[in-house]
Amino acid sequence: MESWLRVEPAAPGALWSHTAGLRDLVTPCVINPEIEDEAGAPSLRNWMLRWAVDGTEVVVPVAAHVLGPPSGATAAVRRFSWRAGQRHRPGLGYSTSTGRLHGFESLAERRFLLMLDFVPGTREVLSQPFTLRFTAAGRRMEHVPDFALLLDDGVLVADVRPGGRGKRTDVVQFAATARAARATGWSYVMVAGWHPGAVDVLEASGRCRRPMQDPLGFQDRLLAAASAGPTRLSALVATTEVPAMARTHLLHLIWHRRLAVDLSHPLTDASWIHPIRVRS
């Protein structure tokens, strides 16, 4: 890994599914302060954000942009492309938080969308949301971040770079984006990876995250069986007459935080499923 990027390791210990936040699930990357200085400028007067709003280009100075994304800014400023032989894997991922499909340019970005969908409080997701035009070391540069997220607690701008890979010029762009985000009162994160173990559990439970019909009442019976205390997954689904169907509903309950599991361990028949105690 290049010296101008440092990956923050995941905190050791258990990571409970019902309390995990986005910053618990992702592994951030810290930019070397020297690069931060290189991306700096005496002022942000000439830094601009270009949005695509209802088919029209809207350019706003960074120094005057203290609100969230402009109303109607749901289109990507850069087109997603598919062609034979390309080395990345673009596509569309569904979000239960927004009820829409959102574009991604790599499998790592698709995984980030999955993590984001698991975390409560996501109000809007914008892929390739804006173009930042800025000056660094006397050069005019541009950068399109991967995502802008409108959360309950503010706006989060995110770039996804597995392993913290990136050329020096790329890192300058990340640092400038972080500086522009701070100037507007937003947050910025450069995602280098994921909490060990959490990916497999969320990939499995995420397949069952959409609304489900439950005419046989599996979910109520699973919740009742788990209320006595931690229970092995195999024993819990065995309390129903069709364990194979009960597994699907169990994953649905884990995803929607009605049952809990330790995300730092693989999800197997021997996994402990915990009830969620609601405090008055």
Protein backbone atom coordinates (compact mmCIF):
# COMPACT_ATOMS: atom_id res chain seq x y z
CA MET A 1 0.00 0.00 0.00
CA GLU A 2 1.21 3.48 -0.81
CA SER A 3 2.51 5.56 2.07
CA TRP A 4 -0.03 8.32 1.52
CA LEU A 5 -2.93 6.05 2.49
CA ARG A 6 -3.45 4.20 5.76
CA VAL A 7 -6.24 1.67 6.30
CA GLU A 8 -7.88 1.82 9.71
CA PRO A 9 -8.22 -1.73 11.12
CA ALA A 10 -11.58 -2.92 12.41
CA ALA A 11 -12.10 -2.78 16.15
CA PRO A 12 -11.72 -6.21 17.79
CA GLY A 13 -14.57 -7.95 19.55
CA ALA A 14 -18.21 -8.68 18.82
CA LEU A 15 -20.25 -6.66 16.34
CA TRP A 16 -23.96 -7.07 17.00
CA SER A 17 -26.24 -6.89 14.01
CA HIS A 18 -29.01 -4.93 15.74
CA THR A 19 -26.71 -2.05 16.77
CA ALA A 20 -24.16 -1.99 13.92
CA GLY A 21 -23.80 1.36 12.16
CA LEU A 22 -22.21 2.17 8.82
CA ARG A 23 -18.90 3.17 10.38
CA ASP A 24 -18.85 -0.14 12.27
CA LEU A 25 -19.24 -2.08 9.04
CA VAL A 26 -16.80 -0.29 6.75
CA THR A 27 -13.03 -0.03 7.04
CA PRO A 28 -12.05 3.59 6.37
CA CYS A 29 -8.84 4.84 4.82
CA VAL A 30 -6.94 7.80 6.29
CA ILE A 31 -5.14 10.17 3.93
CA ASN A 32 -1.59 11.27 4.71
CA PRO A 33 -1.55 14.88 6.04
CA GLU A 34 0.99 15.83 3.36
CA ILE A 35 -1.57 15.03 0.69
CA GLU A 36 -4.19 16.96 2.66
CA ASP A 37 -1.89 20.00 2.51
CA GLU A 38 -1.34 19.51 -1.23
CA ALA A 39 -5.08 19.53 -1.81
CA GLY A 40 -5.48 22.70 0.22
CA ALA A 41 -5.89 26.24 -1.04
CA PRO A 42 -6.01 29.72 0.49
CA SER A 43 -9.75 29.73 -0.13
CA LEU A 44 -12.47 27.70 -1.78
CA ARG A 45 -13.58 30.64 -3.90
CA ASN A 46 -12.97 28.91 -7.24
CA TRP A 47 -14.09 25.42 -6.18
CA MET A 48 -17.37 24.34 -7.76
CA LEU A 49 -19.89 21.50 -7.48
CA ARG A 50 -21.68 20.53 -10.69
CA TRP A 51 -24.99 18.67 -10.23
CA ALA A 52 -27.40 17.15 -12.75
CA VAL A 53 -30.88 18.38 -11.77
CA ASP A 54 -33.87 17.34 -13.89
CA GLY A 55 -31.71 17.12 -17.00
CA THR A 56 -30.07 20.50 -16.39
CA GLU A 57 -26.53 21.24 -15.22
CA VAL A 58 -26.45 23.24 -11.98
CA VAL A 59 -23.11 24.66 -10.81
CA VAL A 60 -22.81 25.87 -7.22
CA PRO A 61 -19.72 27.35 -5.51
CA VAL A 62 -18.45 25.11 -2.72
CA ALA A 63 -18.08 28.11 -0.42
CA ALA A 64 -21.81 28.86 -0.78
CA HIS A 65 -23.04 25.25 -0.69
CA VAL A 66 -24.08 24.72 2.92
CA LEU A 67 -27.23 22.67 2.34
CA GLY A 68 -27.89 19.14 1.12
CA PRO A 69 -28.06 18.08 -2.54
CA PRO A 70 -30.30 20.31 -4.71
CA SER A 71 -33.90 19.18 -5.01
CA GLY A 72 -34.26 16.93 -8.04
CA ALA A 73 -30.59 15.92 -8.11
CA THR A 74 -31.14 12.18 -8.58
CA ALA A 75 -29.33 11.67 -11.89
CA ALA A 76 -25.68 10.67 -12.12
CA VAL A 77 -23.35 13.27 -13.61
CA ARG A 78 -21.38 10.51 -15.34
CA ARG A 79 -22.93 7.69 -17.36
CA PHE A 80 -22.47 4.07 -16.34
CA SER A 81 -20.99 2.09 -19.20
CA TRP A 82 -21.07 -1.61 -20.10
CA ARG A 83 -18.76 -3.07 -22.73
CA ALA A 84 -17.04 -6.33 -23.53
CA GLY A 85 -13.64 -6.79 -21.89
CA GLN A 86 -13.97 -4.13 -19.22
CA ARG A 87 -12.20 -4.92 -15.95
CA HIS A 88 -14.79 -3.50 -13.58
CA ARG A 89 -18.32 -4.72 -12.96
CA PRO A 90 -21.03 -2.03 -13.13
CA GLY A 91 -24.68 -2.64 -12.46
CA LEU A 92 -27.79 -1.59 -10.58
CA GLY A 93 -28.51 -2.44 -6.96
CA TYR A 94 -31.90 -2.27 -5.26
CA SER A 95 -32.30 -0.40 -1.98
CA THR A 96 -35.17 -1.09 0.39
CA SER A 97 -34.43 2.28 2.02
CA THR A 98 -35.25 4.28 -1.10
CA GLY A 99 -37.31 1.74 -3.05
CA ARG A 100 -35.18 2.38 -6.17
CA LEU A 101 -32.28 0.96 -8.12
CA HIS A 102 -28.91 2.71 -7.73
CA GLY A 103 -25.92 2.47 -10.02
CA PHE A 104 -22.55 1.06 -9.03
CA GLU A 105 -19.30 0.72 -10.97
CA SER A 106 -17.72 -2.26 -9.20
CA LEU A 107 -18.59 -5.20 -6.98
CA ALA A 108 -17.03 -3.28 -4.07
CA GLU A 109 -19.48 -0.42 -4.65
CA ARG A 110 -22.36 -2.91 -4.84
CA ARG A 111 -21.28 -4.27 -1.47
CA PHE A 112 -21.18 -0.75 -0.04
CA LEU A 113 -24.78 -0.21 -1.19
CA LEU A 114 -25.73 -3.43 0.59
CA MET A 115 -24.07 -2.26 3.82
CA LEU A 116 -25.78 1.11 3.50
CA ASP A 117 -29.18 -0.53 3.02
CA PHE A 118 -28.69 -2.49 6.24
CA VAL A 119 -28.15 0.66 8.30
CA PRO A 120 -31.27 2.58 9.41
CA GLY A 121 -31.59 6.27 8.66
CA THR A 122 -30.82 6.35 4.92
CA ARG A 123 -33.16 8.80 3.22
CA GLU A 124 -31.53 9.16 -0.22
CA VAL A 125 -28.69 7.60 -2.22
CA LEU A 126 -27.07 9.39 -5.16
CA SER A 127 -24.59 7.51 -7.35
CA GLN A 128 -21.92 9.61 -9.15
CA PRO A 129 -23.69 12.59 -7.56
CA PHE A 130 -21.64 15.62 -8.59
CA THR A 131 -18.40 16.79 -10.15
CA LEU A 132 -16.04 18.67 -7.85
CA ARG A 133 -13.92 21.19 -9.77
CA PHE A 134 -11.01 22.42 -7.69
CA THR A 135 -7.47 23.77 -7.72
CA ALA A 136 -4.58 21.81 -6.17
CA ALA A 137 -0.88 22.70 -6.44
CA GLY A 138 -1.73 25.25 -9.13
CA ARG A 139 -3.60 22.70 -11.28
CA ARG A 140 -7.27 22.59 -12.20
CA MET A 141 -8.66 19.15 -11.41
CA GLU A 142 -11.99 17.32 -11.26
CA HIS A 143 -13.36 14.42 -9.25
CA VAL A 144 -16.68 12.57 -9.24
CA PRO A 145 -17.20 10.78 -5.90
CA ASP A 146 -18.89 7.40 -5.91
CA PHE A 147 -21.84 8.30 -3.68
CA ALA A 148 -23.57 11.09 -1.80
CA LEU A 149 -25.85 9.82 0.96
CA LEU A 150 -28.58 11.80 2.67
CA LEU A 151 -28.81 10.32 6.18
CA ASP A 152 -30.91 11.27 9.17
CA ASP A 153 -27.86 12.94 10.72
CA GLY A 154 -26.61 14.76 7.61
CA VAL A 155 -24.91 14.22 4.25
CA LEU A 156 -22.11 11.68 3.78
CA VAL A 157 -19.94 11.66 0.65
CA ALA A 158 -18.16 8.36 -0.02
CA ASP A 159 -15.49 6.95 -2.31
CA VAL A 160 -14.93 3.18 -2.43
CA ARG A 161 -11.36 1.98 -3.01
CA PRO A 162 -10.74 -1.65 -1.94
CA GLY A 163 -7.49 -1.96 -0.01
CA GLY A 164 -6.96 1.78 -0.16
CA ARG A 165 -5.51 1.56 -3.67
CA GLY A 166 -4.94 4.73 -5.61
CA LYS A 167 -2.32 6.79 -7.43
CA ARG A 168 -1.05 9.97 -5.85
CA THR A 169 -3.24 12.10 -8.12
CA ASP A 170 -6.25 10.01 -7.08
CA VAL A 171 -5.49 10.58 -3.41
CA VAL A 172 -5.21 14.33 -4.01
CA GLN A 173 -8.74 14.19 -5.45
CA PHE A 174 -9.99 12.26 -2.41
CA ALA A 175 -8.37 14.79 -0.07
CA ALA A 176 -9.93 17.69 -1.96
CA THR A 177 -13.34 16.02 -1.81
CA ALA A 178 -12.95 15.56 1.94
CA ARG A 179 -12.05 19.24 2.30
CA ALA A 180 -15.00 20.36 0.19
CA ALA A 181 -17.33 18.13 2.23
CA ARG A 182 -16.11 19.66 5.49
CA ALA A 183 -16.61 23.15 4.08
CA THR A 184 -20.27 22.39 3.37
CA GLY A 185 -20.88 20.77 6.75
CA TRP A 186 -20.97 17.26 5.28
CA SER A 187 -18.93 14.18 6.18
CA TYR A 188 -16.58 12.20 3.96
CA VAL A 189 -15.36 8.61 4.09
CA MET A 190 -13.01 6.67 1.86
CA VAL A 191 -14.01 3.01 2.15
CA ALA A 192 -11.11 0.56 1.90
CA GLY A 193 -12.87 -2.61 3.07
CA TRP A 194 -15.37 -4.18 5.42
CA HIS A 195 -15.52 -5.59 8.92
CA PRO A 196 -14.26 -9.20 8.80
CA GLY A 197 -17.15 -11.63 8.85
CA ALA A 198 -19.92 -9.06 8.42
CA VAL A 199 -19.96 -9.30 4.64
CA ASP A 200 -21.02 -12.94 4.44
CA VAL A 201 -23.78 -12.52 7.04
CA LEU A 202 -25.22 -9.45 5.34
CA GLU A 203 -24.92 -10.99 1.87
CA ALA A 204 -26.99 -13.94 3.11
CA SER A 205 -29.61 -11.98 5.06
CA GLY A 206 -29.74 -9.26 2.42
CA ARG A 207 -31.26 -11.71 -0.05
CA CYS A 208 -34.29 -11.86 2.25
CA ARG A 209 -34.62 -8.16 3.03
CA ARG A 210 -37.60 -7.33 0.82
CA PRO A 211 -41.15 -7.44 2.25
CA MET A 212 -42.28 -11.05 2.72
CA GLN A 213 -45.65 -12.70 3.13
CA ASP A 214 -45.87 -15.00 6.13
CA PRO A 215 -49.22 -16.83 6.00
CA LEU A 216 -47.94 -19.65 8.24
CA GLY A 217 -46.75 -17.26 10.95
CA PHE A 218 -43.09 -18.36 10.93
CA GLN A 219 -41.78 -14.99 12.09
CA ASP A 220 -43.98 -14.79 15.18
CA ARG A 221 -43.05 -18.34 16.13
CA LEU A 222 -39.33 -17.68 15.65
CA LEU A 223 -39.51 -14.53 17.76
CA ALA A 224 -41.40 -16.39 20.49
CA ALA A 225 -38.93 -19.30 20.48
CA ALA A 226 -35.96 -16.94 20.64
CA SER A 227 -37.43 -14.83 23.46
CA ALA A 228 -36.31 -17.35 26.09
CA GLY A 229 -32.65 -16.59 25.39
CA PRO A 230 -29.84 -17.24 22.92
CA THR A 231 -30.61 -20.27 20.74
CA ARG A 232 -28.59 -22.09 18.10
CA LEU A 233 -29.80 -21.34 14.58
CA SER A 234 -30.51 -24.99 13.78
CA ALA A 235 -32.49 -25.46 17.00
CA LEU A 236 -34.48 -22.28 16.39
CA VAL A 237 -35.68 -23.18 12.90
CA ALA A 238 -36.39 -26.73 14.13
CA THR A 239 -39.17 -25.34 16.34
CA THR A 240 -41.24 -24.97 13.14
CA GLU A 241 -42.66 -27.74 10.97
CA VAL A 242 -40.76 -26.52 7.83
CA PRO A 243 -37.23 -25.54 8.91
CA ALA A 244 -36.13 -24.79 5.33
CA MET A 245 -38.81 -22.09 4.99
CA ALA A 246 -38.19 -20.85 8.52
CA ARG A 247 -34.54 -20.10 7.63
CA THR A 248 -35.64 -17.54 5.06
CA HIS A 249 -37.83 -15.76 7.60
CA LEU A 250 -35.03 -15.94 10.18
CA LEU A 251 -32.67 -14.12 7.81
CA HIS A 252 -35.40 -11.55 7.19
CA LEU A 253 -35.71 -10.94 10.95
CA ILE A 254 -31.93 -10.58 11.33
CA TRP A 255 -31.77 -8.06 8.49
CA HIS A 256 -34.60 -5.98 9.94
CA ARG A 257 -32.99 -6.07 13.41
CA ARG A 258 -35.72 -8.06 15.14
CA LEU A 259 -33.25 -10.81 16.04
CA ALA A 260 -29.53 -10.38 16.67
CA VAL A 261 -26.37 -12.22 15.68
CA ASP A 262 -22.66 -11.49 16.09
CA LEU A 263 -21.49 -10.26 12.67
CA SER A 264 -17.85 -10.99 13.46
CA HIS A 265 -18.48 -14.73 13.06
CA PRO A 266 -19.77 -16.73 10.05
CA LEU A 267 -23.46 -17.53 10.05
CA THR A 268 -23.84 -21.32 10.43
CA ASP A 269 -26.22 -23.81 12.02
CA ALA A 270 -24.20 -23.42 15.22
CA SER A 271 -24.57 -19.61 15.34
CA TRP A 272 -26.25 -18.17 18.42
CA ILE A 273 -29.39 -16.17 17.62
CA HIS A 274 -30.20 -13.63 20.31
CA PRO A 275 -33.49 -11.95 21.21
CA ILE A 276 -33.51 -8.17 21.21
CA ARG A 277 -34.51 -6.76 24.55
CA VAL A 278 -36.44 -3.52 24.18
CA ARG A 279 -35.92 -1.13 27.06
CA SER A 280 -38.89 0.91 28.24
